[in-house]
Amino acid sequence: MVRKVLDPGQEVGMALLKQPWNRQNRTQIFQVGGMGKIAECLQLENGKFDVLLKGTSRFKLIKFLRHSPYPIGKVEILPEPQPHLEQAYRLTSSLVSSFGKLSEMATMNTKTEMLEDLDFQTLVNSICSSINISDYQKQLLLEMNDLAHRADNLLKIIDDLLVQQGLVERFHHLRPKNPFYN
């Protein structure tokens, strides 16, 4: 599959598998996924690939056309309505600030000044994909059709993560020197 979408202009869709997953029941995936182009690709020694996908759009799976050797489906590209300029500016400022604080607290060392140069959709979706939340939470964000609503929910999640990280920092001195002996 990876070799087929390495050609310029080709896109691939990715959807999260529902749990529990097994090889006989491949159709258990979420209906909303992400479409994108392969930005980086590294073939590993075992013949598998390590890929970085640059998202281009969201899609809804209409039906599977085939399952073997890999699933192919008919999809509908989902619209991504943009918020008004003032709302996008306010949300961008809040997201960059909050994500910067989280990055600093978690020692991720993300250069947040570069985030301000991204278009609103790329900013929101990039932060969604990079914060440490469950795949299920990321799926819920992906399924939100309103980008401003997704950004608002993302801000709430980041605020919760900041509170959690603050508690970890506050009680850091109580951490045992050897975590195996608590």
Protein backbone atom coordinates (compact mmCIF):
# COMPACT_ATOMS: atom_id res chain seq x y z
CA MET A 1 0.00 0.00 0.00
CA VAL A 2 2.76 2.47 0.94
CA ARG A 3 4.55 1.97 -2.39
CA LYS A 4 1.33 2.81 -4.28
CA VAL A 5 0.88 6.17 -2.53
CA LEU A 6 4.53 7.29 -2.72
CA ASP A 7 3.95 8.69 -6.20
CA PRO A 8 3.46 12.48 -6.20
CA GLY A 9 -0.16 13.53 -5.99
CA GLN A 10 -1.34 10.28 -4.41
CA GLU A 11 -3.22 10.37 -1.12
CA VAL A 12 -3.98 7.77 1.50
CA GLY A 13 -6.74 7.65 4.08
CA MET A 14 -6.20 6.51 7.66
CA ALA A 15 -8.92 5.62 10.13
CA LEU A 16 -8.67 4.52 13.74
CA LEU A 17 -9.46 0.87 14.41
CA LYS A 18 -12.13 0.15 16.98
CA GLN A 19 -11.18 -2.06 19.90
CA PRO A 20 -10.95 -4.99 20.18
CA TRP A 21 -9.42 -5.48 16.73
CA ASN A 22 -8.59 -8.78 15.06
CA ARG A 23 -7.54 -9.82 11.56
CA GLN A 24 -10.88 -11.48 10.78
CA ASN A 25 -12.91 -8.38 11.66
CA ARG A 26 -11.13 -5.61 9.73
CA THR A 27 -14.24 -3.53 9.12
CA GLN A 28 -14.41 -2.33 12.73
CA ILE A 29 -13.04 1.15 12.15
CA PHE A 30 -14.33 4.60 12.93
CA GLN A 31 -16.23 6.12 10.02
CA VAL A 32 -14.36 9.45 10.12
CA GLY A 33 -10.67 9.46 9.27
CA GLY A 34 -7.91 11.61 7.87
CA MET A 35 -6.69 11.85 4.29
CA GLY A 36 -3.15 12.92 3.50
CA LYS A 37 0.03 12.69 1.49
CA ILE A 38 3.17 10.95 2.61
CA ALA A 39 5.62 13.68 3.62
CA GLU A 40 8.44 11.36 4.74
CA CYS A 41 8.97 7.67 4.27
CA LEU A 42 11.67 5.36 5.62
CA GLN A 43 11.79 1.69 4.67
CA LEU A 44 12.88 -0.40 7.64
CA GLU A 45 15.14 -3.45 7.50
CA ASN A 46 12.17 -5.79 7.95
CA GLY A 47 10.53 -4.38 4.79
CA LYS A 48 7.94 -2.33 6.67
CA PHE A 49 7.70 1.45 6.41
CA ASP A 50 7.85 4.30 8.89
CA VAL A 51 5.80 7.13 7.36
CA LEU A 52 4.91 10.70 8.24
CA LEU A 53 1.54 11.64 6.80
CA LYS A 54 0.70 15.30 6.13
CA GLY A 55 -3.04 15.62 6.55
CA THR A 56 -5.03 17.31 3.81
CA SER A 57 -8.67 16.62 4.71
CA ARG A 58 -11.11 14.63 6.78
CA PHE A 59 -13.30 11.95 5.25
CA LYS A 60 -16.29 9.80 6.08
CA LEU A 61 -16.21 6.17 4.97
CA ILE A 62 -19.23 5.39 2.78
CA LYS A 63 -18.47 1.71 2.09
CA PHE A 64 -15.62 -0.72 1.63
CA LEU A 65 -14.81 -1.61 -1.97
CA ARG A 66 -12.35 -4.36 -1.03
CA HIS A 67 -10.50 -5.69 2.02
CA SER A 68 -7.49 -7.51 0.65
CA PRO A 69 -4.55 -7.07 0.59
CA TYR A 70 -5.50 -3.83 2.37
CA PRO A 71 -8.85 -2.06 2.76
CA ILE A 72 -9.99 0.35 0.06
CA GLY A 73 -13.18 2.31 0.46
CA LYS A 74 -15.40 4.90 -1.10
CA VAL A 75 -15.22 8.08 0.97
CA GLU A 76 -16.85 11.47 1.18
CA ILE A 77 -14.48 14.39 1.83
CA LEU A 78 -15.86 16.35 4.77
CA PRO A 79 -16.00 20.14 4.64
CA GLU A 80 -13.91 22.08 7.13
CA PRO A 81 -15.79 25.35 7.70
CA GLN A 82 -13.46 28.13 8.79
CA PRO A 83 -14.37 30.47 11.66
CA HIS A 84 -14.63 34.23 11.20
CA LEU A 85 -11.28 35.98 11.10
CA GLU A 86 -11.66 37.55 14.57
CA GLN A 87 -12.63 34.23 16.14
CA ALA A 88 -9.76 32.42 14.38
CA TYR A 89 -7.30 35.07 15.59
CA ARG A 90 -8.55 34.81 19.20
CA LEU A 91 -8.45 31.00 19.15
CA THR A 92 -5.01 30.97 17.50
CA SER A 93 -3.62 33.26 20.18
CA SER A 94 -5.12 31.13 22.97
CA LEU A 95 -3.98 27.85 21.44
CA VAL A 96 -0.42 29.03 20.86
CA SER A 97 -0.20 30.44 24.39
CA SER A 98 -1.70 27.39 26.13
CA PHE A 99 0.22 24.88 24.02
CA GLY A 100 3.40 26.86 24.68
CA LYS A 101 2.83 26.61 28.44
CA LEU A 102 2.14 22.89 28.18
CA SER A 103 5.21 22.37 26.03
CA GLU A 104 7.35 24.27 28.51
CA MET A 105 5.98 22.37 31.53
CA ALA A 106 6.35 19.02 29.82
CA THR A 107 9.82 19.97 28.53
CA MET A 108 8.74 19.27 24.95
CA ASN A 109 10.63 22.41 23.84
CA THR A 110 8.30 23.13 20.93
CA LYS A 111 9.05 26.38 19.12
CA THR A 112 5.64 28.01 19.48
CA GLU A 113 6.53 31.10 17.45
CA MET A 114 6.41 28.89 14.34
CA LEU A 115 2.85 27.86 15.22
CA GLU A 116 1.54 31.38 14.68
CA ASP A 117 2.53 31.15 11.01
CA LEU A 118 0.34 28.11 10.36
CA ASP A 119 -3.13 28.43 8.86
CA PHE A 120 -5.86 27.89 11.45
CA GLN A 121 -6.84 24.39 10.30
CA THR A 122 -3.23 23.14 10.30
CA LEU A 123 -2.60 24.71 13.72
CA VAL A 124 -5.63 23.06 15.35
CA ASN A 125 -5.05 19.66 13.78
CA SER A 126 -1.28 19.70 14.47
CA ILE A 127 -1.81 20.42 18.15
CA CYS A 128 -4.55 17.75 18.31
CA SER A 129 -2.15 15.16 16.95
CA SER A 130 0.81 16.14 19.14
CA ILE A 131 -0.68 16.37 22.63
CA ASN A 132 -0.63 13.37 24.93
CA ILE A 133 -4.27 12.26 24.97
CA SER A 134 -5.90 8.96 24.11
CA ASP A 135 -6.57 7.96 20.52
CA TYR A 136 -10.26 7.93 21.40
CA GLN A 137 -10.11 11.60 22.53
CA LYS A 138 -8.30 12.48 19.29
CA GLN A 139 -11.01 10.66 17.34
CA LEU A 140 -13.72 12.68 19.09
CA LEU A 141 -11.91 15.89 18.10
CA LEU A 142 -11.52 14.68 14.50
CA GLU A 143 -15.25 13.97 14.26
CA MET A 144 -16.18 17.56 15.18
CA ASN A 145 -17.36 19.22 11.97
CA ASP A 146 -16.91 22.77 13.25
CA LEU A 147 -13.23 23.76 13.38
CA ALA A 148 -13.84 26.52 15.95
CA HIS A 149 -15.71 24.04 18.16
CA ARG A 150 -12.78 21.61 17.80
CA ALA A 151 -10.38 24.40 18.81
CA ASP A 152 -12.51 25.33 21.85
CA ASN A 153 -12.57 21.70 22.98
CA LEU A 154 -8.85 21.41 22.38
CA LEU A 155 -8.28 24.43 24.63
CA LYS A 156 -10.29 22.76 27.41
CA ILE A 157 -8.21 19.59 27.04
CA ILE A 158 -4.97 21.58 27.16
CA ASP A 159 -6.21 23.44 30.26
CA ASP A 160 -6.87 20.07 31.93
CA LEU A 161 -3.41 18.86 30.95
CA LEU A 162 -1.89 22.05 32.38
CA VAL A 163 -3.67 21.43 35.70
CA GLN A 164 -2.45 17.81 35.74
CA GLN A 165 1.10 18.85 34.90
CA GLY A 166 0.94 21.54 37.59
CA LEU A 167 -0.01 18.92 40.18
CA VAL A 168 2.86 16.71 39.07
CA GLU A 169 5.24 19.66 39.44
CA ARG A 170 3.76 20.66 42.79
CA PHE A 171 4.35 17.22 44.30
CA HIS A 172 7.57 16.46 42.43
CA HIS A 173 9.54 16.48 45.69
CA LEU A 174 7.53 13.46 46.90
CA ARG A 175 8.66 11.26 44.02
CA PRO A 176 10.82 8.40 45.32
CA LYS A 177 14.40 8.29 44.09
CA ASN A 178 13.78 4.74 42.92
CA PRO A 179 10.22 4.40 41.54
CA PHE A 180 10.35 0.62 42.03
CA TYR A 181 10.43 1.19 45.81
CA ASN A 182 7.52 3.39 46.66
